[in-house]
């Protein structure tokens, strides 16, 4: 008979402090290409990729230069997710489904 009894109990939901690495399928929201072609689903953010995120943020984002987060994201793609270097085009990135998105 108390109105607060209808409030959601999100504090007790989920596995607090547990990582969800490698459950077999991609975690999170599927991308548009993945809905049409199952081979283009995307990647999970593993411990290795989280390590790259932390490295990039500490080296480029938390400095006095004050780059935007999107600029740091593009620098990260150029450093860790490049497929090759072309003389005319510059850095060639891996296909979009093999690298993390900005979102």
PDB file of N, CA and C in Angstrom:
ATOM      1  N   UNK A   1       0.804  -1.190   0.000  1.00  0.00           N
ATOM      2  CA  UNK A   1       0.000   0.000   0.000  1.00  0.00           C
ATOM      3  C   UNK A   1       0.859   1.272   0.000  1.00  0.00           C
ATOM      4  N   UNK A   2       2.156   1.116  -0.294  1.00  0.00           N
ATOM      5  CA  UNK A   2       3.043   2.280  -0.361  1.00  0.00           C
ATOM      6  C   UNK A   2       3.423   2.499  -1.817  1.00  0.00           C
ATOM      7  N   UNK A   3       3.394   3.733  -2.290  1.00  0.00           N
ATOM      8  CA  UNK A   3       3.659   4.056  -3.686  1.00  0.00           C
ATOM      9  C   UNK A   3       5.094   3.709  -4.081  1.00  0.00           C
ATOM     10  N   UNK A   4       6.045   3.772  -3.130  1.00  0.00           N
ATOM     11  CA  UNK A   4       7.436   3.445  -3.434  1.00  0.00           C
ATOM     12  C   UNK A   4       7.647   1.962  -3.712  1.00  0.00           C
ATOM     13  N   UNK A   5       6.700   1.137  -3.426  1.00  0.00           N
ATOM     14  CA  UNK A   5       6.803  -0.290  -3.719  1.00  0.00           C
ATOM     15  C   UNK A   5       6.789  -0.545  -5.222  1.00  0.00           C
ATOM     16  N   UNK A   6       6.300   0.406  -5.998  1.00  0.00           N
ATOM     17  CA  UNK A   6       6.248   0.254  -7.445  1.00  0.00           C
ATOM     18  C   UNK A   6       7.532   0.702  -8.145  1.00  0.00           C
ATOM     19  N   UNK A   7       8.473   1.275  -7.411  1.00  0.00           N
ATOM     20  CA  UNK A   7       9.731   1.719  -8.008  1.00  0.00           C
ATOM     21  C   UNK A   7      10.582   0.530  -8.436  1.00  0.00           C
ATOM     22  N   UNK A   8      11.316   0.659  -9.544  1.00  0.00           N
ATOM     23  CA  UNK A   8      12.173  -0.447  -9.974  1.00  0.00           C
ATOM     24  C   UNK A   8      13.351  -0.624  -9.019  1.00  0.00           C
ATOM     25  N   UNK A   9      13.814  -1.839  -8.906  1.00  0.00           N
ATOM     26  CA  UNK A   9      14.894  -2.172  -7.982  1.00  0.00           C
ATOM     27  C   UNK A   9      16.162  -2.464  -8.771  1.00  0.00           C
ATOM     28  N   UNK A  10      16.678  -1.446  -9.488  1.00  0.00           N
ATOM     29  CA  UNK A  10      17.831  -1.634 -10.369  1.00  0.00           C
ATOM     30  C   UNK A  10      19.130  -1.886  -9.606  1.00  0.00           C
ATOM     31  N   UNK A  11      19.157  -1.544  -8.345  1.00  0.00           N
ATOM     32  CA  UNK A  11      20.367  -1.743  -7.560  1.00  0.00           C
ATOM     33  C   UNK A  11      20.705  -3.230  -7.458  1.00  0.00           C
ATOM     34  N   UNK A  12      19.701  -4.056  -7.402  1.00  0.00           N
ATOM     35  CA  UNK A  12      19.915  -5.489  -7.218  1.00  0.00           C
ATOM     36  C   UNK A  12      19.955  -6.260  -8.536  1.00  0.00           C
ATOM     37  N   UNK A  13      19.943  -5.569  -9.669  1.00  0.00           N
ATOM     38  CA  UNK A  13      19.938  -6.236 -10.968  1.00  0.00           C
ATOM     39  C   UNK A  13      21.351  -6.353 -11.534  1.00  0.00           C
ATOM     40  N   UNK A  14      21.576  -7.411 -12.286  1.00  0.00           N
ATOM     41  CA  UNK A  14      22.841  -7.578 -12.999  1.00  0.00           C
ATOM     42  C   UNK A  14      23.939  -8.142 -12.122  1.00  0.00           C
ATOM     43  N   UNK A  15      25.045  -8.466 -12.752  1.00  0.00           N
ATOM     44  CA  UNK A  15      26.197  -8.997 -12.046  1.00  0.00           C
ATOM     45  C   UNK A  15      27.186  -7.883 -11.774  1.00  0.00           C
ATOM     46  N   UNK A  16      27.105  -7.288 -10.616  1.00  0.00           N
ATOM     47  CA  UNK A  16      27.931  -6.138 -10.294  1.00  0.00           C
ATOM     48  C   UNK A  16      29.402  -6.563 -10.194  1.00  0.00           C
ATOM     49  N   UNK A  17      30.246  -5.898 -10.962  1.00  0.00           N
ATOM     50  CA  UNK A  17      31.674  -6.181 -10.923  1.00  0.00           C
ATOM     51  C   UNK A  17      32.116  -7.350 -11.769  1.00  0.00           C
ATOM     52  N   UNK A  18      31.198  -8.003 -12.452  1.00  0.00           N
ATOM     53  CA  UNK A  18      31.549  -9.144 -13.290  1.00  0.00           C
ATOM     54  C   UNK A  18      31.685  -8.686 -14.736  1.00  0.00           C
ATOM     55  N   UNK A  19      32.718  -9.156 -15.401  1.00  0.00           N
ATOM     56  CA  UNK A  19      32.882  -8.813 -16.812  1.00  0.00           C
ATOM     57  C   UNK A  19      32.163  -9.844 -17.670  1.00  0.00           C
ATOM     58  N   UNK A  20      31.733  -9.440 -18.843  1.00  0.00           N
ATOM     59  CA  UNK A  20      30.980 -10.322 -19.720  1.00  0.00           C
ATOM     60  C   UNK A  20      31.758 -10.590 -21.005  1.00  0.00           C
ATOM     61  N   UNK A  21      33.016 -10.927 -20.892  1.00  0.00           N
ATOM     62  CA  UNK A  21      33.847 -11.173 -22.052  1.00  0.00           C
ATOM     63  C   UNK A  21      33.576 -12.552 -22.623  1.00  0.00           C
ATOM     64  N   UNK A  22      33.438 -12.609 -23.936  1.00  0.00           N
ATOM     65  CA  UNK A  22      33.397 -13.869 -24.657  1.00  0.00           C
ATOM     66  C   UNK A  22      32.232 -14.779 -24.354  1.00  0.00           C
ATOM     67  N   UNK A  23      31.035 -14.318 -24.529  1.00  0.00           N
ATOM     68  CA  UNK A  23      29.877 -15.187 -24.354  1.00  0.00           C
ATOM     69  C   UNK A  23      29.506 -15.897 -25.650  1.00  0.00           C
ATOM     70  N   UNK A  24      30.282 -15.731 -26.687  1.00  0.00           N
ATOM     71  CA  UNK A  24      30.014 -16.395 -27.954  1.00  0.00           C
ATOM     72  C   UNK A  24      29.464 -15.468 -29.005  1.00  0.00           C
ATOM     73  N   UNK A  25      28.427 -14.725 -28.678  1.00  0.00           N
ATOM     74  CA  UNK A  25      27.845 -13.812 -29.659  1.00  0.00           C
ATOM     75  C   UNK A  25      28.213 -12.379 -29.281  1.00  0.00           C
ATOM     76  N   UNK A  26      27.941 -11.463 -30.186  1.00  0.00           N
ATOM     77  CA  UNK A  26      28.267 -10.061 -29.947  1.00  0.00           C
ATOM     78  C   UNK A  26      27.352  -9.493 -28.874  1.00  0.00           C
ATOM     79  N   UNK A  27      27.950  -8.767 -27.951  1.00  0.00           N
ATOM     80  CA  UNK A  27      27.188  -8.109 -26.897  1.00  0.00           C
ATOM     81  C   UNK A  27      26.754  -6.727 -27.367  1.00  0.00           C
ATOM     82  N   UNK A  28      25.677  -6.241 -26.853  1.00  0.00           N
ATOM     83  CA  UNK A  28      25.235  -4.887 -27.167  1.00  0.00           C
ATOM     84  C   UNK A  28      24.316  -4.833 -28.372  1.00  0.00           C
ATOM     85  N   UNK A  29      24.059  -3.610 -28.769  1.00  0.00           N
ATOM     86  CA  UNK A  29      23.135  -3.366 -29.872  1.00  0.00           C
ATOM     87  C   UNK A  29      23.749  -3.796 -31.197  1.00  0.00           C
ATOM     88  N   UNK A  30      23.013  -4.526 -32.033  1.00  0.00           N
ATOM     89  CA  UNK A  30      23.546  -4.908 -33.349  1.00  0.00           C
ATOM     90  C   UNK A  30      23.553  -3.719 -34.304  1.00  0.00           C
ATOM     91  N   UNK A  31      24.540  -3.669 -35.181  1.00  0.00           N
ATOM     92  CA  UNK A  31      24.594  -2.585 -36.153  1.00  0.00           C
ATOM     93  C   UNK A  31      23.673  -2.889 -37.333  1.00  0.00           C
ATOM     94  N   UNK A  32      23.453  -1.911 -38.198  1.00  0.00           N
ATOM     95  CA  UNK A  32      22.510  -2.066 -39.303  1.00  0.00           C
ATOM     96  C   UNK A  32      22.994  -3.108 -40.310  1.00  0.00           C
ATOM     97  N   UNK A  33      24.307  -3.147 -40.582  1.00  0.00           N
ATOM     98  CA  UNK A  33      24.831  -4.122 -41.533  1.00  0.00           C
ATOM     99  C   UNK A  33      24.699  -5.534 -40.992  1.00  0.00           C
ATOM    100  N   UNK A  34      24.825  -5.693 -39.675  1.00  0.00           N
ATOM    101  CA  UNK A  34      24.717  -7.003 -39.050  1.00  0.00           C
ATOM    102  C   UNK A  34      23.317  -7.586 -39.129  1.00  0.00           C
ATOM    103  N   UNK A  35      22.317  -6.722 -39.225  1.00  0.00           N
ATOM    104  CA  UNK A  35      20.950  -7.208 -39.363  1.00  0.00           C
ATOM    105  C   UNK A  35      20.722  -7.824 -40.740  1.00  0.00           C
ATOM    106  N   UNK A  36      21.414  -7.271 -41.743  1.00  0.00           N
ATOM    107  CA  UNK A  36      21.239  -7.761 -43.108  1.00  0.00           C
ATOM    108  C   UNK A  36      22.173  -8.911 -43.443  1.00  0.00           C
ATOM    109  N   UNK A  37      23.403  -8.856 -42.981  1.00  0.00           N
ATOM    110  CA  UNK A  37      24.400  -9.882 -43.280  1.00  0.00           C
ATOM    111  C   UNK A  37      25.019 -10.362 -41.970  1.00  0.00           C
ATOM    112  N   UNK A  38      24.832 -11.628 -41.594  1.00  0.00           N
ATOM    113  CA  UNK A  38      25.356 -12.112 -40.306  1.00  0.00           C
ATOM    114  C   UNK A  38      26.878 -12.102 -40.213  1.00  0.00           C
ATOM    115  N   UNK A  39      27.584 -12.006 -41.333  1.00  0.00           N
ATOM    116  CA  UNK A  39      29.044 -11.962 -41.289  1.00  0.00           C
ATOM    117  C   UNK A  39      29.564 -10.594 -40.871  1.00  0.00           C
ATOM    118  N   UNK A  40      28.728  -9.566 -40.920  1.00  0.00           N
ATOM    119  CA  UNK A  40      29.133  -8.208 -40.600  1.00  0.00           C
ATOM    120  C   UNK A  40      28.608  -7.754 -39.246  1.00  0.00           C
ATOM    121  N   UNK A  41      28.525  -8.658 -38.297  1.00  0.00           N
ATOM    122  CA  UNK A  41      27.903  -8.356 -37.005  1.00  0.00           C
ATOM    123  C   UNK A  41      28.710  -7.328 -36.219  1.00  0.00           C
ATOM    124  N   UNK A  42      30.003  -7.455 -36.129  1.00  0.00           N
ATOM    125  CA  UNK A  42      30.837  -6.535 -35.364  1.00  0.00           C
ATOM    126  C   UNK A  42      31.698  -7.291 -34.382  1.00  0.00           C
ATOM    127  N   UNK A  43      32.364  -6.550 -33.500  1.00  0.00           N
ATOM    128  CA  UNK A  43      33.266  -7.175 -32.535  1.00  0.00           C
ATOM    129  C   UNK A  43      32.824  -6.846 -31.124  1.00  0.00           C
ATOM    130  N   UNK A  44      33.243  -7.686 -30.182  1.00  0.00           N
ATOM    131  CA  UNK A  44      33.059  -7.402 -28.771  1.00  0.00           C
ATOM    132  C   UNK A  44      34.249  -6.614 -28.272  1.00  0.00           C
ATOM    133  N   UNK A  45      34.037  -5.803 -27.266  1.00  0.00           N
ATOM    134  CA  UNK A  45      35.128  -5.067 -26.641  1.00  0.00           C
ATOM    135  C   UNK A  45      35.744  -5.988 -25.598  1.00  0.00           C
ATOM    136  N   UNK A  46      36.921  -6.508 -25.921  1.00  0.00           N
ATOM    137  CA  UNK A  46      37.617  -7.437 -25.038  1.00  0.00           C
ATOM    138  C   UNK A  46      38.566  -6.685 -24.118  1.00  0.00           C
ATOM    139  N   UNK A  47      39.262  -7.428 -23.271  1.00  0.00           N
ATOM    140  CA  UNK A  47      40.223  -6.812 -22.359  1.00  0.00           C
ATOM    141  C   UNK A  47      41.346  -6.132 -23.130  1.00  0.00           C
ATOM    142  N   UNK A  48      41.743  -6.714 -24.255  1.00  0.00           N
ATOM    143  CA  UNK A  48      42.802  -6.136 -25.074  1.00  0.00           C
ATOM    144  C   UNK A  48      42.370  -4.789 -25.656  1.00  0.00           C
ATOM    145  N   UNK A  49      41.146  -4.713 -26.136  1.00  0.00           N
ATOM    146  CA  UNK A  49      40.646  -3.454 -26.699  1.00  0.00           C
ATOM    147  C   UNK A  49      40.436  -2.419 -25.596  1.00  0.00           C
ATOM    148  N   UNK A  50      39.982  -2.846 -24.409  1.00  0.00           N
ATOM    149  CA  UNK A  50      39.851  -1.914 -23.286  1.00  0.00           C
ATOM    150  C   UNK A  50      41.209  -1.335 -22.899  1.00  0.00           C
ATOM    151  N   UNK A  51      42.242  -2.163 -22.985  1.00  0.00           N
ATOM    152  CA  UNK A  51      43.596  -1.713 -22.692  1.00  0.00           C
ATOM    153  C   UNK A  51      44.031  -0.642 -23.700  1.00  0.00           C
ATOM    154  N   UNK A  52      43.670  -0.839 -24.974  1.00  0.00           N
ATOM    155  CA  UNK A  52      43.973   0.153 -26.004  1.00  0.00           C
ATOM    156  C   UNK A  52      43.216   1.447 -25.746  1.00  0.00           C
ATOM    157  N   UNK A  53      41.949   1.353 -25.328  1.00  0.00           N
ATOM    158  CA  UNK A  53      41.158   2.538 -24.996  1.00  0.00           C
ATOM    159  C   UNK A  53      41.833   3.337 -23.872  1.00  0.00           C
ATOM    160  N   UNK A  54      42.220   2.640 -22.794  1.00  0.00           N
ATOM    161  CA  UNK A  54      42.850   3.315 -21.670  1.00  0.00           C
ATOM    162  C   UNK A  54      44.160   3.980 -22.078  1.00  0.00           C
ATOM    163  N   UNK A  55      44.933   3.291 -22.924  1.00  0.00           N
ATOM    164  CA  UNK A  55      46.203   3.821 -23.399  1.00  0.00           C
ATOM    165  C   UNK A  55      45.980   5.102 -24.203  1.00  0.00           C
ATOM    166  N   UNK A  56      45.044   5.078 -25.117  1.00  0.00           N
ATOM    167  CA  UNK A  56      44.772   6.223 -25.976  1.00  0.00           C
ATOM    168  C   UNK A  56      44.231   7.398 -25.169  1.00  0.00           C
ATOM    169  N   UNK A  57      43.324   7.139 -24.251  1.00  0.00           N
ATOM    170  CA  UNK A  57      42.743   8.213 -23.451  1.00  0.00           C
ATOM    171  C   UNK A  57      43.797   8.864 -22.562  1.00  0.00           C
ATOM    172  N   UNK A  58      44.656   8.052 -21.964  1.00  0.00           N
ATOM    173  CA  UNK A  58      45.687   8.640 -21.094  1.00  0.00           C
ATOM    174  C   UNK A  58      46.749   9.377 -21.900  1.00  0.00           C
ATOM    175  N   UNK A  59      47.050   8.916 -23.111  1.00  0.00           N
ATOM    176  CA  UNK A  59      48.103   9.556 -23.901  1.00  0.00           C
ATOM    177  C   UNK A  59      47.628  10.765 -24.691  1.00  0.00           C
ATOM    178  N   UNK A  60      46.373  10.785 -25.145  1.00  0.00           N
ATOM    179  CA  UNK A  60      45.931  11.854 -26.033  1.00  0.00           C
ATOM    180  C   UNK A  60      44.793  12.703 -25.480  1.00  0.00           C
ATOM    181  N   UNK A  61      43.920  12.114 -24.697  1.00  0.00           N
ATOM    182  CA  UNK A  61      42.743  12.865 -24.251  1.00  0.00           C
ATOM    183  C   UNK A  61      43.009  13.634 -22.960  1.00  0.00           C
ATOM    184  N   UNK A  62      43.723  13.035 -22.031  1.00  0.00           N
ATOM    185  CA  UNK A  62      43.968  13.663 -20.732  1.00  0.00           C
ATOM    186  C   UNK A  62      45.241  14.512 -20.739  1.00  0.00           C
ATOM    187  N   UNK A  63      45.490  15.218 -21.792  1.00  0.00           N
ATOM    188  CA  UNK A  63      46.665  16.076 -21.904  1.00  0.00           C
ATOM    189  C   UNK A  63      46.217  17.529 -22.033  1.00  0.00           C
ATOM    190  N   UNK A  64      47.157  18.411 -22.088  1.00  0.00           N
ATOM    191  CA  UNK A  64      46.852  19.831 -22.203  1.00  0.00           C
ATOM    192  C   UNK A  64      46.357  20.212 -23.589  1.00  0.00           C
ATOM    193  N   UNK A  65      46.612  19.372 -24.599  1.00  0.00           N
ATOM    194  CA  UNK A  65      46.205  19.696 -25.965  1.00  0.00           C
ATOM    195  C   UNK A  65      44.692  19.848 -26.079  1.00  0.00           C
ATOM    196  N   UNK A  66      43.947  19.138 -25.239  1.00  0.00           N
ATOM    197  CA  UNK A  66      42.485  19.162 -25.217  1.00  0.00           C
ATOM    198  C   UNK A  66      41.885  18.806 -26.577  1.00  0.00           C
ATOM    199  N   UNK A  67      42.276  17.659 -27.074  1.00  0.00           N
ATOM    200  CA  UNK A  67      41.639  17.141 -28.278  1.00  0.00           C
ATOM    201  C   UNK A  67      40.240  16.669 -27.910  1.00  0.00           C
ATOM    202  N   UNK A  68      39.354  16.681 -28.897  1.00  0.00           N
ATOM    203  CA  UNK A  68      38.006  16.184 -28.651  1.00  0.00           C
ATOM    204  C   UNK A  68      38.037  14.665 -28.599  1.00  0.00           C
ATOM    205  N   UNK A  69      36.998  14.096 -28.046  1.00  0.00           N
ATOM    206  CA  UNK A  69      36.937  12.642 -27.922  1.00  0.00           C
ATOM    207  C   UNK A  69      36.876  11.985 -29.297  1.00  0.00           C
ATOM    208  N   UNK A  70      36.226  12.634 -30.262  1.00  0.00           N
ATOM    209  CA  UNK A  70      36.163  12.073 -31.612  1.00  0.00           C
ATOM    210  C   UNK A  70      37.530  12.106 -32.288  1.00  0.00           C
ATOM    211  N   UNK A  71      38.292  13.155 -32.071  1.00  0.00           N
ATOM    212  CA  UNK A  71      39.653  13.206 -32.626  1.00  0.00           C
ATOM    213  C   UNK A  71      40.519  12.099 -32.044  1.00  0.00           C
ATOM    214  N   UNK A  72      40.375  11.855 -30.755  1.00  0.00           N
ATOM    215  CA  UNK A  72      41.128  10.780 -30.107  1.00  0.00           C
ATOM    216  C   UNK A  72      40.690   9.424 -30.651  1.00  0.00           C
ATOM    217  N   UNK A  73      39.398   9.266 -30.916  1.00  0.00           N
ATOM    218  CA  UNK A  73      38.889   8.027 -31.503  1.00  0.00           C
ATOM    219  C   UNK A  73      39.509   7.788 -32.882  1.00  0.00           C
ATOM    220  N   UNK A  74      39.579   8.837 -33.700  1.00  0.00           N
ATOM    221  CA  UNK A  74      40.180   8.686 -35.027  1.00  0.00           C
ATOM    222  C   UNK A  74      41.670   8.374 -34.940  1.00  0.00           C
ATOM    223  N   UNK A  75      42.371   8.977 -33.983  1.00  0.00           N
ATOM    224  CA  UNK A  75      43.777   8.664 -33.781  1.00  0.00           C
ATOM    225  C   UNK A  75      43.967   7.211 -33.352  1.00  0.00           C
ATOM    226  N   UNK A  76      43.052   6.715 -32.499  1.00  0.00           N
ATOM    227  CA  UNK A  76      43.120   5.324 -32.064  1.00  0.00           C
ATOM    228  C   UNK A  76      42.926   4.378 -33.240  1.00  0.00           C
ATOM    229  N   UNK A  77      41.966   4.677 -34.119  1.00  0.00           N
ATOM    230  CA  UNK A  77      41.752   3.826 -35.291  1.00  0.00           C
ATOM    231  C   UNK A  77      42.985   3.814 -36.175  1.00  0.00           C
ATOM    232  N   UNK A  78      43.617   4.967 -36.344  1.00  0.00           N
ATOM    233  CA  UNK A  78      44.811   5.039 -37.164  1.00  0.00           C
ATOM    234  C   UNK A  78      45.990   4.303 -36.567  1.00  0.00           C
ATOM    235  N   UNK A  79      46.038   4.208 -35.250  1.00  0.00           N
ATOM    236  CA  UNK A  79      47.170   3.552 -34.605  1.00  0.00           C
ATOM    237  C   UNK A  79      46.974   2.046 -34.457  1.00  0.00           C
ATOM    238  N   UNK A  80      45.789   1.620 -34.019  1.00  0.00           N
ATOM    239  CA  UNK A  80      45.582   0.215 -33.679  1.00  0.00           C
ATOM    240  C   UNK A  80      44.769  -0.580 -34.698  1.00  0.00           C
ATOM    241  N   UNK A  81      43.975   0.061 -35.529  1.00  0.00           N
ATOM    242  CA  UNK A  81      43.059  -0.662 -36.414  1.00  0.00           C
ATOM    243  C   UNK A  81      43.307  -0.315 -37.880  1.00  0.00           C
ATOM    244  N   UNK A  82      44.567  -0.282 -38.282  1.00  0.00           N
ATOM    245  CA  UNK A  82      44.868   0.009 -39.677  1.00  0.00           C
ATOM    246  C   UNK A  82      45.196  -1.276 -40.414  1.00  0.00           C
ATOM    247  N   UNK A  83      44.732  -1.349 -41.662  1.00  0.00           N
ATOM    248  CA  UNK A  83      44.990  -2.519 -42.502  1.00  0.00           C
ATOM    249  C   UNK A  83      46.258  -2.331 -43.316  1.00  0.00           C
ATOM    250  N   UNK A  84      46.630  -1.094 -43.582  1.00  0.00           N
ATOM    251  CA  UNK A  84      47.831  -0.824 -44.356  1.00  0.00           C
ATOM    252  C   UNK A  84      47.982   0.666 -44.598  1.00  0.00           C
ATOM    253  N   UNK A  85      49.029   0.997 -45.343  1.00  0.00           N
ATOM    254  CA  UNK A  85      49.301   2.391 -45.681  1.00  0.00           C
ATOM    255  C   UNK A  85      49.458   2.486 -47.190  1.00  0.00           C
ATOM    256  N   UNK A  86      48.743   3.439 -47.778  1.00  0.00           N
ATOM    257  CA  UNK A  86      48.805   3.669 -49.208  1.00  0.00           C
ATOM    258  C   UNK A  86      49.477   5.021 -49.447  1.00  0.00           C
ATOM    259  N   UNK A  87      50.257   5.121 -50.534  1.00  0.00           N
ATOM    260  CA  UNK A  87      50.961   6.372 -50.824  1.00  0.00           C
ATOM    261  C   UNK A  87      49.992   7.504 -51.131  1.00  0.00           C
ATOM    262  N   UNK A  88      48.925   7.208 -51.855  1.00  0.00           N
ATOM    263  CA  UNK A  88      47.985   8.255 -52.258  1.00  0.00           C
ATOM    264  C   UNK A  88      46.929   8.537 -51.189  1.00  0.00           C
ATOM    265  N   UNK A  89      46.369   7.486 -50.594  1.00  0.00           N
ATOM    266  CA  UNK A  89      45.255   7.636 -49.669  1.00  0.00           C
ATOM    267  C   UNK A  89      45.685   7.813 -48.218  1.00  0.00           C
ATOM    268  N   UNK A  90      46.879   7.403 -47.874  1.00  0.00           N
ATOM    269  CA  UNK A  90      47.335   7.463 -46.491  1.00  0.00           C
ATOM    270  C   UNK A  90      47.029   6.152 -45.779  1.00  0.00           C
ATOM    271  N   UNK A  91      46.522   6.257 -44.565  1.00  0.00           N
ATOM    272  CA  UNK A  91      46.232   5.067 -43.764  1.00  0.00           C
ATOM    273  C   UNK A  91      44.926   4.440 -44.236  1.00  0.00           C
ATOM    274  N   UNK A  92      44.970   3.128 -44.466  1.00  0.00           N
ATOM    275  CA  UNK A  92      43.767   2.370 -44.822  1.00  0.00           C
ATOM    276  C   UNK A  92      43.330   1.614 -43.577  1.00  0.00           C
ATOM    277  N   UNK A  93      42.108   1.859 -43.129  1.00  0.00           N
ATOM    278  CA  UNK A  93      41.591   1.226 -41.921  1.00  0.00           C
ATOM    279  C   UNK A  93      41.007  -0.141 -42.233  1.00  0.00           C
ATOM    280  N   UNK A  94      40.893  -0.958 -41.184  1.00  0.00           N
ATOM    281  CA  UNK A  94      40.231  -2.252 -41.312  1.00  0.00           C
ATOM    282  C   UNK A  94      38.763  -2.021 -41.655  1.00  0.00           C
ATOM    283  N   UNK A  95      38.074  -3.048 -42.153  1.00  0.00           N
ATOM    284  CA  UNK A  95      36.632  -2.883 -42.422  1.00  0.00           C
ATOM    285  C   UNK A  95      35.877  -2.485 -41.154  1.00  0.00           C
ATOM    286  N   UNK A  96      34.775  -1.819 -41.341  1.00  0.00           N
ATOM    287  CA  UNK A  96      34.045  -1.230 -40.222  1.00  0.00           C
ATOM    288  C   UNK A  96      33.555  -2.276 -39.219  1.00  0.00           C
ATOM    289  N   UNK A  97      33.260  -3.483 -39.672  1.00  0.00           N
ATOM    290  CA  UNK A  97      32.764  -4.494 -38.742  1.00  0.00           C
ATOM    291  C   UNK A  97      33.884  -5.145 -37.937  1.00  0.00           C
ATOM    292  N   UNK A  98      35.149  -4.792 -38.206  1.00  0.00           N
ATOM    293  CA  UNK A  98      36.280  -5.353 -37.460  1.00  0.00           C
ATOM    294  C   UNK A  98      36.934  -4.348 -36.528  1.00  0.00           C
ATOM    295  N   UNK A  99      36.285  -3.207 -36.318  1.00  0.00           N
ATOM    296  CA  UNK A  99      36.826  -2.206 -35.403  1.00  0.00           C
ATOM    297  C   UNK A  99      35.688  -1.641 -34.546  1.00  0.00           C
ATOM    298  N   UNK A 100      36.025  -1.102 -33.373  1.00  0.00           N
ATOM    299  CA  UNK A 100      34.969  -0.551 -32.518  1.00  0.00           C
ATOM    300  C   UNK A 100      34.407   0.749 -33.088  1.00  0.00           C
ATOM    301  N   UNK A 101      33.158   0.997 -32.821  1.00  0.00           N
ATOM    302  CA  UNK A 101      32.526   2.227 -33.312  1.00  0.00           C
ATOM    303  C   UNK A 101      32.715   3.337 -32.268  1.00  0.00           C
ATOM    304  N   UNK A 102      32.455   4.546 -32.667  1.00  0.00           N
ATOM    305  CA  UNK A 102      32.575   5.688 -31.761  1.00  0.00           C
ATOM    306  C   UNK A 102      31.524   5.606 -30.655  1.00  0.00           C
ATOM    307  N   UNK A 103      30.377   5.121 -30.982  1.00  0.00           N
ATOM    308  CA  UNK A 103      29.289   5.028 -30.009  1.00  0.00           C
ATOM    309  C   UNK A 103      29.662   4.126 -28.870  1.00  0.00           C
TER     310      UNK A 103
END
